Amino acid sequence: MASTEGCSLALSFIEDAPSVVDLPALVDTYSTLLFRIANSVLRSRTDAEDVVQDVFIRVLEHRLSLSMVRDMRVWLIRIAWNLALDRKRRKRPAQLDETFAESLASATMPADTAMEEAQRFSSVLREIERLPKAERHVLLLSAIDELGTTEIAAVLRRSESAVRALLSRARARLRERLEDRPQP
């Protein structure tokens, strides 16, 4: 993955710097998850890779105080999530990136089936974008990034019951909107 290569470049600059954490291990352990999170928000492989690099730059900047971080996974996810949202706000894409939907369709499917699947994903993603922000955020973290309620609550700084309620509303609203849409 290109994001790992970029992180390796950043690692070369701090080999002699004092550190409390094993940064190469963090990169190996979390870069794929952080990429998925950033990509689910940005829908751009290149931008998501940049966010992953930025996350590990933040780790380097805070390397001396990392012992105070209670849950490294949640801390890294929160950074990736916030950086991706910031980048998305700056870009304000007018329309969904179709390549993101295509990337979700399986490469092992026949081309016609994969195209239909990509169109279906594209339709679902457009409806997700129409959800209220809080519902959209919990749904993305839950469905695309496969985080549990506790982790989502920590990332979004909400209670677990609030996350469960938002997730329930988001799923119900999305289901209703998708059922109301004409099928191709």
N, C-alpha and C. Protein backbone atom coordinates (compact mmCIF):
# COMPACT_ATOMS: atom_id res chain seq x y z
N MET A 1 0.86 -1.18 0.00
CA MET A 1 0.00 0.00 0.00
C MET A 1 0.90 1.23 0.00
N ALA A 2 0.56 2.21 -0.79
CA ALA A 2 1.37 3.41 -0.94
C ALA A 2 1.49 4.18 0.36
N SER A 3 0.46 4.14 1.21
CA SER A 3 0.51 4.88 2.46
C SER A 3 1.61 4.34 3.37
N THR A 4 1.88 3.06 3.32
CA THR A 4 2.95 2.49 4.11
C THR A 4 4.29 2.97 3.60
N GLU A 5 4.44 3.09 2.27
CA GLU A 5 5.69 3.59 1.70
C GLU A 5 5.94 5.01 2.15
N GLY A 6 4.91 5.85 2.11
CA GLY A 6 5.05 7.23 2.53
C GLY A 6 5.41 7.33 3.99
N CYS A 7 4.83 6.46 4.80
CA CYS A 7 5.15 6.46 6.23
C CYS A 7 6.58 6.02 6.46
N SER A 8 7.08 5.11 5.62
CA SER A 8 8.47 4.67 5.74
C SER A 8 9.41 5.83 5.50
N LEU A 9 9.05 6.70 4.56
CA LEU A 9 9.85 7.89 4.29
C LEU A 9 9.90 8.77 5.52
N ALA A 10 8.76 8.97 6.15
CA ALA A 10 8.71 9.78 7.36
C ALA A 10 9.53 9.13 8.48
N LEU A 11 9.53 7.81 8.53
CA LEU A 11 10.28 7.10 9.56
C LEU A 11 11.78 7.35 9.43
N SER A 12 12.25 7.47 8.20
CA SER A 12 13.69 7.63 7.99
C SER A 12 14.19 8.93 8.60
N PHE A 13 13.34 9.93 8.76
CA PHE A 13 13.75 11.21 9.32
C PHE A 13 13.91 11.16 10.84
N ILE A 14 13.34 10.18 11.51
CA ILE A 14 13.35 10.20 12.97
C ILE A 14 14.00 8.97 13.58
N GLU A 15 14.78 8.27 12.81
CA GLU A 15 15.38 7.05 13.34
C GLU A 15 16.18 7.30 14.60
N ASP A 16 16.83 8.46 14.68
CA ASP A 16 17.66 8.76 15.84
C ASP A 16 16.91 9.52 16.93
N ALA A 17 15.67 9.90 16.66
CA ALA A 17 14.90 10.67 17.63
C ALA A 17 14.43 9.79 18.77
N PRO A 18 14.41 10.33 19.98
CA PRO A 18 13.92 9.53 21.11
C PRO A 18 12.43 9.24 20.94
N SER A 19 12.04 8.03 21.27
CA SER A 19 10.65 7.65 21.10
C SER A 19 10.23 6.67 22.17
N VAL A 20 8.98 6.77 22.55
CA VAL A 20 8.43 5.87 23.56
C VAL A 20 7.66 4.75 22.88
N VAL A 21 7.41 4.88 21.57
CA VAL A 21 6.56 3.96 20.86
C VAL A 21 7.32 3.36 19.68
N ASP A 22 6.94 2.15 19.31
CA ASP A 22 7.51 1.47 18.16
C ASP A 22 6.73 1.90 16.92
N LEU A 23 7.18 2.96 16.27
CA LEU A 23 6.45 3.53 15.15
C LEU A 23 6.29 2.57 13.98
N PRO A 24 7.32 1.83 13.59
CA PRO A 24 7.11 0.87 12.50
C PRO A 24 6.01 -0.14 12.82
N ALA A 25 5.91 -0.55 14.07
CA ALA A 25 4.86 -1.49 14.46
C ALA A 25 3.49 -0.82 14.36
N LEU A 26 3.40 0.45 14.76
CA LEU A 26 2.13 1.17 14.63
C LEU A 26 1.72 1.28 13.16
N VAL A 27 2.67 1.60 12.31
CA VAL A 27 2.38 1.72 10.88
C VAL A 27 1.88 0.39 10.35
N ASP A 28 2.58 -0.70 10.68
CA ASP A 28 2.17 -2.03 10.21
C ASP A 28 0.79 -2.41 10.74
N THR A 29 0.53 -2.09 11.98
CA THR A 29 -0.72 -2.50 12.62
C THR A 29 -1.91 -1.68 12.16
N TYR A 30 -1.74 -0.37 12.01
CA TYR A 30 -2.90 0.52 11.82
C TYR A 30 -3.03 1.19 10.46
N SER A 31 -2.04 1.15 9.61
CA SER A 31 -2.13 1.92 8.36
C SER A 31 -3.31 1.48 7.49
N THR A 32 -3.60 0.19 7.42
CA THR A 32 -4.73 -0.27 6.60
C THR A 32 -6.05 0.22 7.16
N LEU A 33 -6.25 0.13 8.46
CA LEU A 33 -7.47 0.62 9.09
C LEU A 33 -7.61 2.12 8.88
N LEU A 34 -6.55 2.86 9.12
CA LEU A 34 -6.60 4.32 8.97
C LEU A 34 -6.87 4.71 7.52
N PHE A 35 -6.31 3.95 6.60
CA PHE A 35 -6.59 4.21 5.17
C PHE A 35 -8.07 4.00 4.88
N ARG A 36 -8.65 2.89 5.37
CA ARG A 36 -10.08 2.63 5.14
C ARG A 36 -10.94 3.75 5.70
N ILE A 37 -10.59 4.24 6.88
CA ILE A 37 -11.36 5.32 7.50
C ILE A 37 -11.27 6.58 6.64
N ALA A 38 -10.07 6.96 6.28
CA ALA A 38 -9.90 8.18 5.46
C ALA A 38 -10.56 8.01 4.10
N ASN A 39 -10.43 6.85 3.51
CA ASN A 39 -11.01 6.61 2.19
C ASN A 39 -12.54 6.61 2.24
N SER A 40 -13.11 6.16 3.34
CA SER A 40 -14.57 6.16 3.46
C SER A 40 -15.11 7.58 3.52
N VAL A 41 -14.34 8.50 4.04
CA VAL A 41 -14.75 9.90 4.12
C VAL A 41 -14.44 10.63 2.82
N LEU A 42 -13.23 10.42 2.31
CA LEU A 42 -12.75 11.22 1.18
C LEU A 42 -13.06 10.61 -0.19
N ARG A 43 -13.17 9.29 -0.21
CA ARG A 43 -13.43 8.57 -1.46
C ARG A 43 -12.38 8.87 -2.52
N SER A 44 -11.17 8.99 -2.06
CA SER A 44 -10.03 9.24 -2.94
C SER A 44 -8.83 8.53 -2.35
N ARG A 45 -8.30 7.61 -3.09
CA ARG A 45 -7.15 6.83 -2.62
C ARG A 45 -5.97 7.73 -2.27
N THR A 46 -5.68 8.67 -3.15
CA THR A 46 -4.54 9.57 -2.95
C THR A 46 -4.71 10.42 -1.70
N ASP A 47 -5.90 11.01 -1.55
CA ASP A 47 -6.15 11.83 -0.36
C ASP A 47 -6.12 10.99 0.91
N ALA A 48 -6.65 9.78 0.84
CA ALA A 48 -6.64 8.89 2.01
C ALA A 48 -5.21 8.52 2.40
N GLU A 49 -4.37 8.26 1.41
CA GLU A 49 -2.96 7.95 1.70
C GLU A 49 -2.27 9.15 2.36
N ASP A 50 -2.60 10.36 1.89
CA ASP A 50 -2.03 11.56 2.50
C ASP A 50 -2.47 11.70 3.96
N VAL A 51 -3.72 11.38 4.23
CA VAL A 51 -4.22 11.46 5.61
C VAL A 51 -3.47 10.47 6.49
N VAL A 52 -3.25 9.25 5.99
CA VAL A 52 -2.53 8.25 6.79
C VAL A 52 -1.13 8.76 7.11
N GLN A 53 -0.48 9.34 6.13
CA GLN A 53 0.85 9.92 6.39
C GLN A 53 0.76 11.01 7.45
N ASP A 54 -0.25 11.87 7.33
CA ASP A 54 -0.40 12.95 8.29
C ASP A 54 -0.65 12.42 9.70
N VAL A 55 -1.37 11.31 9.81
CA VAL A 55 -1.61 10.71 11.12
C VAL A 55 -0.28 10.32 11.76
N PHE A 56 0.57 9.66 10.99
CA PHE A 56 1.83 9.21 11.57
C PHE A 56 2.81 10.36 11.79
N ILE A 57 2.64 11.44 11.06
CA ILE A 57 3.42 12.65 11.37
C ILE A 57 2.98 13.19 12.72
N ARG A 58 1.67 13.15 12.99
CA ARG A 58 1.17 13.57 14.31
C ARG A 58 1.74 12.67 15.41
N VAL A 59 1.85 11.39 15.13
CA VAL A 59 2.44 10.47 16.11
C VAL A 59 3.86 10.91 16.41
N LEU A 60 4.60 11.24 15.35
CA LEU A 60 5.98 11.69 15.55
C LEU A 60 6.03 12.98 16.37
N GLU A 61 5.12 13.88 16.07
CA GLU A 61 5.10 15.15 16.79
C GLU A 61 4.78 14.97 18.27
N HIS A 62 4.00 13.94 18.60
CA HIS A 62 3.59 13.71 19.99
C HIS A 62 4.29 12.50 20.61
N ARG A 63 5.37 12.03 20.00
CA ARG A 63 6.00 10.77 20.43
C ARG A 63 6.43 10.77 21.90
N LEU A 64 6.76 11.92 22.44
CA LEU A 64 7.21 11.94 23.82
C LEU A 64 6.06 11.88 24.82
N SER A 65 4.86 12.18 24.36
CA SER A 65 3.71 12.16 25.28
C SER A 65 2.76 11.00 24.99
N LEU A 66 3.16 10.07 24.15
CA LEU A 66 2.28 8.96 23.79
C LEU A 66 1.99 8.01 24.94
N SER A 67 2.82 8.01 25.94
CA SER A 67 2.55 7.14 27.09
C SER A 67 1.28 7.55 27.82
N MET A 68 0.83 8.78 27.58
CA MET A 68 -0.39 9.27 28.22
C MET A 68 -1.64 8.87 27.43
N VAL A 69 -1.48 8.35 26.22
CA VAL A 69 -2.62 7.95 25.40
C VAL A 69 -3.15 6.63 25.95
N ARG A 70 -4.43 6.62 26.33
CA ARG A 70 -5.02 5.42 26.94
C ARG A 70 -5.28 4.32 25.93
N ASP A 71 -5.83 4.67 24.78
CA ASP A 71 -6.17 3.67 23.77
C ASP A 71 -5.61 4.15 22.44
N MET A 72 -4.47 3.61 22.05
CA MET A 72 -3.76 4.06 20.85
C MET A 72 -4.63 3.91 19.60
N ARG A 73 -5.35 2.81 19.49
CA ARG A 73 -6.19 2.57 18.31
C ARG A 73 -7.24 3.67 18.16
N VAL A 74 -7.94 3.98 19.23
CA VAL A 74 -8.98 5.02 19.18
C VAL A 74 -8.34 6.38 18.91
N TRP A 75 -7.21 6.67 19.52
CA TRP A 75 -6.53 7.94 19.31
C TRP A 75 -6.14 8.10 17.85
N LEU A 76 -5.58 7.08 17.25
CA LEU A 76 -5.19 7.13 15.84
C LEU A 76 -6.41 7.27 14.93
N ILE A 77 -7.47 6.52 15.24
CA ILE A 77 -8.70 6.60 14.44
C ILE A 77 -9.27 8.01 14.51
N ARG A 78 -9.31 8.59 15.71
CA ARG A 78 -9.85 9.94 15.87
C ARG A 78 -9.04 10.94 15.04
N ILE A 79 -7.73 10.82 15.04
CA ILE A 79 -6.89 11.71 14.25
C ILE A 79 -7.19 11.54 12.77
N ALA A 80 -7.22 10.29 12.30
CA ALA A 80 -7.50 10.03 10.88
C ALA A 80 -8.88 10.56 10.50
N TRP A 81 -9.85 10.32 11.34
CA TRP A 81 -11.22 10.77 11.07
C TRP A 81 -11.27 12.29 10.95
N ASN A 82 -10.68 12.98 11.92
CA ASN A 82 -10.72 14.44 11.91
C ASN A 82 -9.92 15.03 10.74
N LEU A 83 -8.77 14.46 10.44
CA LEU A 83 -8.00 14.95 9.30
C LEU A 83 -8.76 14.74 7.99
N ALA A 84 -9.41 13.60 7.87
CA ALA A 84 -10.18 13.32 6.65
C ALA A 84 -11.36 14.28 6.53
N LEU A 85 -12.05 14.53 7.63
CA LEU A 85 -13.17 15.48 7.59
C LEU A 85 -12.69 16.89 7.24
N ASP A 86 -11.56 17.29 7.81
CA ASP A 86 -11.00 18.61 7.48
C ASP A 86 -10.67 18.72 6.01
N ARG A 87 -10.05 17.68 5.48
CA ARG A 87 -9.69 17.68 4.06
C ARG A 87 -10.94 17.71 3.18
N LYS A 88 -11.96 16.95 3.58
CA LYS A 88 -13.20 16.92 2.81
C LYS A 88 -13.88 18.29 2.82
N ARG A 89 -13.88 18.96 3.97
CA ARG A 89 -14.48 20.30 4.06
C ARG A 89 -13.78 21.28 3.12
N ARG A 90 -12.48 21.16 3.01
CA ARG A 90 -11.73 22.06 2.12
C ARG A 90 -12.04 21.80 0.66
N LYS A 91 -12.29 20.55 0.32
CA LYS A 91 -12.53 20.20 -1.08
C LYS A 91 -13.97 20.41 -1.52
N ARG A 92 -14.91 20.12 -0.64
CA ARG A 92 -16.34 20.20 -0.96
C ARG A 92 -16.66 19.58 -2.32
N PRO A 93 -16.47 18.27 -2.44
CA PRO A 93 -16.76 17.65 -3.74
C PRO A 93 -18.24 17.75 -4.07
N ALA A 94 -18.51 18.13 -5.30
CA ALA A 94 -19.89 18.33 -5.73
C ALA A 94 -20.60 17.01 -5.96
N GLN A 95 -19.84 16.00 -6.35
CA GLN A 95 -20.48 14.74 -6.70
C GLN A 95 -19.63 13.58 -6.20
N LEU A 96 -20.29 12.48 -5.93
CA LEU A 96 -19.62 11.28 -5.47
C LEU A 96 -18.60 10.80 -6.49
N ASP A 97 -17.43 10.41 -6.03
CA ASP A 97 -16.39 9.87 -6.90
C ASP A 97 -16.77 8.44 -7.27
N GLU A 98 -17.09 8.24 -8.53
CA GLU A 98 -17.55 6.92 -8.99
C GLU A 98 -16.48 5.85 -8.82
N THR A 99 -15.21 6.24 -8.86
CA THR A 99 -14.16 5.23 -8.70
C THR A 99 -14.19 4.62 -7.30
N PHE A 100 -14.67 5.38 -6.31
CA PHE A 100 -14.78 4.81 -4.97
C PHE A 100 -15.79 3.68 -4.97
N ALA A 101 -16.94 3.90 -5.59
CA ALA A 101 -17.97 2.86 -5.67
C ALA A 101 -17.44 1.66 -6.44
N GLU A 102 -16.70 1.93 -7.51
CA GLU A 102 -16.12 0.83 -8.29
C GLU A 102 -15.11 0.04 -7.45
N SER A 103 -14.37 0.74 -6.59
CA SER A 103 -13.38 0.06 -5.76
C SER A 103 -14.04 -0.85 -4.73
N LEU A 104 -15.29 -0.56 -4.38
CA LEU A 104 -16.00 -1.41 -3.43
C LEU A 104 -16.53 -2.69 -4.07
N ALA A 105 -16.77 -2.63 -5.39
CA ALA A 105 -17.25 -3.82 -6.11
C ALA A 105 -16.09 -4.81 -6.22
N SER A 106 -16.41 -6.06 -6.12
CA SER A 106 -15.39 -7.11 -6.12
C SER A 106 -14.69 -7.22 -7.46
N ALA A 107 -13.37 -7.35 -7.40
CA ALA A 107 -12.57 -7.52 -8.62
C ALA A 107 -12.70 -8.93 -9.17
N THR A 108 -13.26 -9.85 -8.39
CA THR A 108 -13.38 -11.23 -8.84
C THR A 108 -14.68 -11.49 -9.58
N MET A 109 -15.55 -10.47 -9.66
CA MET A 109 -16.83 -10.63 -10.35
C MET A 109 -16.64 -10.40 -11.85
N PRO A 110 -17.53 -10.97 -12.64
CA PRO A 110 -17.52 -10.63 -14.06
C PRO A 110 -17.78 -9.13 -14.22
N ALA A 111 -17.29 -8.54 -15.30
CA ALA A 111 -17.35 -7.09 -15.49
C ALA A 111 -18.77 -6.54 -15.41
N ASP A 112 -19.74 -7.21 -16.05
CA ASP A 112 -21.11 -6.68 -16.01
C ASP A 112 -21.69 -6.71 -14.61
N THR A 113 -21.39 -7.76 -13.85
CA THR A 113 -21.88 -7.86 -12.48
C THR A 113 -21.20 -6.81 -11.60
N ALA A 114 -19.90 -6.64 -11.79
CA ALA A 114 -19.16 -5.63 -11.02
C ALA A 114 -19.68 -4.23 -11.31
N MET A 115 -20.04 -3.97 -12.57
CA MET A 115 -20.57 -2.65 -12.93
C MET A 115 -21.92 -2.40 -12.24
N GLU A 116 -22.78 -3.42 -12.25
CA GLU A 116 -24.07 -3.29 -11.57
C GLU A 116 -23.86 -3.09 -10.07
N GLU A 117 -22.93 -3.82 -9.51
CA GLU A 117 -22.61 -3.71 -8.08
C GLU A 117 -22.09 -2.30 -7.77
N ALA A 118 -21.23 -1.77 -8.63
CA ALA A 118 -20.69 -0.42 -8.44
C ALA A 118 -21.80 0.62 -8.50
N GLN A 119 -22.75 0.43 -9.41
CA GLN A 119 -23.89 1.36 -9.51
C GLN A 119 -24.74 1.30 -8.25
N ARG A 120 -24.91 0.10 -7.73
CA ARG A 120 -25.68 -0.06 -6.49
C ARG A 120 -24.96 0.61 -5.32
N PHE A 121 -23.65 0.40 -5.22
CA PHE A 121 -22.86 1.05 -4.17
C PHE A 121 -22.93 2.57 -4.31
N SER A 122 -22.85 3.04 -5.52
CA SER A 122 -22.90 4.48 -5.78
C SER A 122 -24.23 5.06 -5.29
N SER A 123 -25.30 4.37 -5.56
CA SER A 123 -26.63 4.80 -5.12
C SER A 123 -26.71 4.83 -3.59
N VAL A 124 -26.20 3.79 -2.95
CA VAL A 124 -26.21 3.73 -1.48
C VAL A 124 -25.36 4.86 -0.91
N LEU A 125 -24.18 5.09 -1.49
CA LEU A 125 -23.30 6.14 -0.98
C LEU A 125 -23.91 7.53 -1.15
N ARG A 126 -24.62 7.75 -2.24
CA ARG A 126 -25.32 9.03 -2.43
C ARG A 126 -26.36 9.23 -1.33
N GLU A 127 -27.08 8.17 -0.99
CA GLU A 127 -28.08 8.28 0.07
C GLU A 127 -27.43 8.48 1.44
N ILE A 128 -26.29 7.85 1.65
CA ILE A 128 -25.56 8.06 2.91
C ILE A 128 -25.16 9.53 3.03
N GLU A 129 -24.72 10.12 1.93
CA GLU A 129 -24.32 11.53 1.94
C GLU A 129 -25.49 12.45 2.29
N ARG A 130 -26.70 12.02 2.01
CA ARG A 130 -27.89 12.84 2.30
C ARG A 130 -28.32 12.74 3.76
N LEU A 131 -27.79 11.78 4.50
CA LEU A 131 -28.16 11.62 5.91
C LEU A 131 -27.66 12.82 6.72
N PRO A 132 -28.32 13.11 7.84
CA PRO A 132 -27.78 14.14 8.74
C PRO A 132 -26.35 13.76 9.15
N LYS A 133 -25.52 14.76 9.36
CA LYS A 133 -24.09 14.55 9.59
C LYS A 133 -23.80 13.52 10.69
N ALA A 134 -24.43 13.64 11.84
CA ALA A 134 -24.16 12.73 12.95
C ALA A 134 -24.50 11.29 12.58
N GLU A 135 -25.62 11.10 11.91
CA GLU A 135 -26.02 9.76 11.48
C GLU A 135 -25.06 9.22 10.43
N ARG A 136 -24.68 10.08 9.49
CA ARG A 136 -23.74 9.67 8.44
C ARG A 136 -22.42 9.22 9.05
N HIS A 137 -21.93 9.97 10.02
CA HIS A 137 -20.64 9.64 10.64
C HIS A 137 -20.68 8.28 11.35
N VAL A 138 -21.71 8.02 12.15
CA VAL A 138 -21.75 6.74 12.86
C VAL A 138 -21.93 5.59 11.87
N LEU A 139 -22.71 5.81 10.82
CA LEU A 139 -22.92 4.76 9.83
C LEU A 139 -21.63 4.43 9.09
N LEU A 140 -20.88 5.45 8.68
CA LEU A 140 -19.61 5.21 7.99
C LEU A 140 -18.63 4.47 8.88
N LEU A 141 -18.51 4.91 10.12
CA LEU A 141 -17.57 4.25 11.02
C LEU A 141 -17.99 2.81 11.31
N SER A 142 -19.28 2.58 11.41
CA SER A 142 -19.77 1.24 11.70
C SER A 142 -19.69 0.31 10.49
N ALA A 143 -20.26 0.76 9.39
CA ALA A 143 -20.40 -0.12 8.22
C ALA A 143 -19.12 -0.25 7.42
N ILE A 144 -18.55 0.85 7.03
CA ILE A 144 -17.39 0.79 6.15
C ILE A 144 -16.12 0.50 6.93
N ASP A 145 -16.00 1.11 8.10
CA ASP A 145 -14.76 0.94 8.86
C ASP A 145 -14.84 -0.15 9.92
N GLU A 146 -16.03 -0.75 10.08
CA GLU A 146 -16.23 -1.90 10.96
C GLU A 146 -15.80 -1.66 12.40
N LEU A 147 -16.12 -0.49 12.93
CA LEU A 147 -15.81 -0.21 14.31
C LEU A 147 -17.01 -0.55 15.18
N GLY A 148 -16.75 -0.91 16.41
CA GLY A 148 -17.81 -1.21 17.35
C GLY A 148 -18.35 0.06 18.00
N THR A 149 -19.47 -0.08 18.70
CA THR A 149 -20.12 1.05 19.35
C THR A 149 -19.19 1.78 20.30
N THR A 150 -18.43 1.05 21.08
CA THR A 150 -17.53 1.67 22.06
C THR A 150 -16.48 2.51 21.36
N GLU A 151 -15.89 1.97 20.28
CA GLU A 151 -14.87 2.73 19.55
C GLU A 151 -15.47 3.95 18.85
N ILE A 152 -16.64 3.79 18.27
CA ILE A 152 -17.29 4.93 17.60
C ILE A 152 -17.58 6.03 18.62
N ALA A 153 -18.07 5.64 19.78
CA ALA A 153 -18.35 6.61 20.84
C ALA A 153 -17.07 7.36 21.23
N ALA A 154 -15.98 6.64 21.33
CA ALA A 154 -14.72 7.29 21.70
C ALA A 154 -14.22 8.22 20.59
N VAL A 155 -14.32 7.78 19.34
CA VAL A 155 -13.86 8.59 18.21
C VAL A 155 -14.68 9.87 18.10
N LEU A 156 -16.01 9.75 18.22
CA LEU A 156 -16.89 10.89 18.03
C LEU A 156 -17.16 11.65 19.34
N ARG A 157 -16.64 11.12 20.44
CA ARG A 157 -16.82 11.73 21.76
C ARG A 157 -18.30 11.88 22.10
N ARG A 158 -19.00 10.76 21.96
CA ARG A 158 -20.41 10.67 22.31
C ARG A 158 -20.59 9.47 23.23
N SER A 159 -21.74 9.39 23.86
CA SER A 159 -22.01 8.22 24.70
C SER A 159 -22.34 7.03 23.80
N GLU A 160 -22.16 5.84 24.33
CA GLU A 160 -22.49 4.64 23.56
C GLU A 160 -23.98 4.58 23.24
N SER A 161 -24.82 5.03 24.16
CA SER A 161 -26.26 5.00 23.89
C SER A 161 -26.61 5.99 22.78
N ALA A 162 -25.94 7.13 22.74
CA ALA A 162 -26.17 8.09 21.65
C ALA A 162 -25.74 7.50 20.32
N VAL A 163 -24.63 6.80 20.31
CA VAL A 163 -24.14 6.16 19.08
C VAL A 163 -25.13 5.10 18.62
N ARG A 164 -25.63 4.28 19.55
CA ARG A 164 -26.60 3.25 19.17
C ARG A 164 -27.87 3.87 18.60
N ALA A 165 -28.34 4.95 19.21
CA ALA A 165 -29.54 5.63 18.72
C ALA A 165 -29.31 6.23 17.33
N LEU A 166 -28.18 6.90 17.15
CA LEU A 166 -27.86 7.48 15.85
C LEU A 166 -27.74 6.40 14.78
N LEU A 167 -27.09 5.31 15.13
CA LEU A 167 -26.90 4.21 14.18
C LEU A 167 -28.24 3.59 13.80
N SER A 168 -29.11 3.42 14.77
CA SER A 168 -30.43 2.86 14.49
C SER A 168 -31.23 3.77 13.57
N ARG A 169 -31.21 5.08 13.87
CA ARG A 169 -31.92 6.05 13.02
C ARG A 169 -31.33 6.09 11.62
N ALA A 170 -30.01 6.08 11.54
CA ALA A 170 -29.35 6.15 10.23
C ALA A 170 -29.70 4.94 9.38
N ARG A 171 -29.66 3.76 9.97
CA ARG A 171 -29.99 2.54 9.23
C ARG A 171 -31.45 2.54 8.78
N ALA A 172 -32.34 2.96 9.67
CA ALA A 172 -33.76 3.00 9.32
C ALA A 172 -34.02 4.01 8.21
N ARG A 173 -33.42 5.18 8.32
CA ARG A 173 -33.62 6.23 7.32
C ARG A 173 -33.04 5.78 5.97
N LEU A 174 -31.86 5.18 6.01
CA LEU A 174 -31.22 4.71 4.78
C LEU A 174 -32.05 3.59 4.13
N ARG A 175 -32.50 2.66 4.94
CA ARG A 175 -33.33 1.56 4.43
C ARG A 175 -34.59 2.11 3.76
N GLU A 176 -35.23 3.06 4.43
CA GLU A 176 -36.45 3.67 3.89
C GLU A 176 -36.17 4.37 2.56
N ARG A 177 -35.11 5.13 2.50
CA ARG A 177 -34.78 5.85 1.27
C ARG A 177 -34.43 4.90 0.13
N LEU A 178 -33.73 3.83 0.45
CA LEU A 178 -33.35 2.88 -0.60
C LEU A 178 -34.55 2.09 -1.09
N GLU A 179 -35.51 1.80 -0.19
CA GLU A 179 -36.72 1.09 -0.61
C GLU A 179 -37.60 1.95 -1.48
N ASP A 180 -37.57 3.27 -1.26
CA ASP A 180 -38.38 4.20 -2.03
C ASP A 180 -37.80 4.47 -3.42
N ARG A 181 -36.53 4.18 -3.61
CA ARG A 181 -35.89 4.44 -4.92
C ARG A 181 -36.30 3.38 -5.92
N PRO A 182 -36.51 3.80 -7.16
CA PRO A 182 -36.81 2.80 -8.20
C PRO A 182 -35.57 1.94 -8.47
N GLN A 183 -35.78 0.66 -8.63
CA GLN A 183 -34.68 -0.28 -8.91
C GLN A 183 -34.34 -0.24 -10.39
N PRO A 184 -33.03 -0.32 -10.72
CA PRO A 184 -32.61 -0.29 -12.13
C PRO A 184 -33.04 -1.52 -12.89
